Amino acid sequence: MTPPAAHAAVALPLRDIKPLQPYGGGSALWLGAAAAAALAAAFAIAALVRLRRRVRRARPATALERLDALAGEPVLGDQPFYFALTAILRGHLEHRFGLCCLERSTEEFLPSLGRLPVDEEVRSRLVRLFLDAEPRKYARAHAGLELRRDDLRFARDFLRATAPGADGSG
């Protein structure tokens, strides 16, 4: 049995209704808009980089101001004093040297202090300060006013010595 002619597939040639016409313009407008957007993005990126550098440079001054504010709190107990002092030093180490100190425990970040570009005596004093602060922060061990002043003096000297530009590195 043969299929009827109505069901047979017949391929008809395709014909366009209208011939192709050239694009009517506006490409210069789109090109200008894309260039303006790229230029605006480049300026925004440059501004963010400048702002980030400015914030990074301001960290030591902010840390020194926080130390001065901490020194102005004579009624502060040993526990809050050492929490604040070590937080200031941790923030400075992270922002100035790129050490991950704020999110780690003392035992986790102490080995990374070996990479600091400071004298061995300063490095060991810094390690000792962090280790001695632990029982004062968590076990409420008594430090005494003279020891707190000495630790504050060391922290201030450390911040000044490691501030950008203190060693000529900028």
Foldseek 3Di string as FASTA:
>chain_A
DDDDPVPDDDDDDDDDPDDDDDDPDPPVVVVVVVVVVVVVVVVVVVVVVVVVVVVLLCLLVVLLVLLVVLVVCPVDFQQVSLVSLVVSVQVCCCSQVVQNRPPDQLVVRLVVLVPDPDDPVLNVVVNVSSVVSVCCNPVVDHDDDVNSVVSSVSSNVVSCCRRPCNVPND
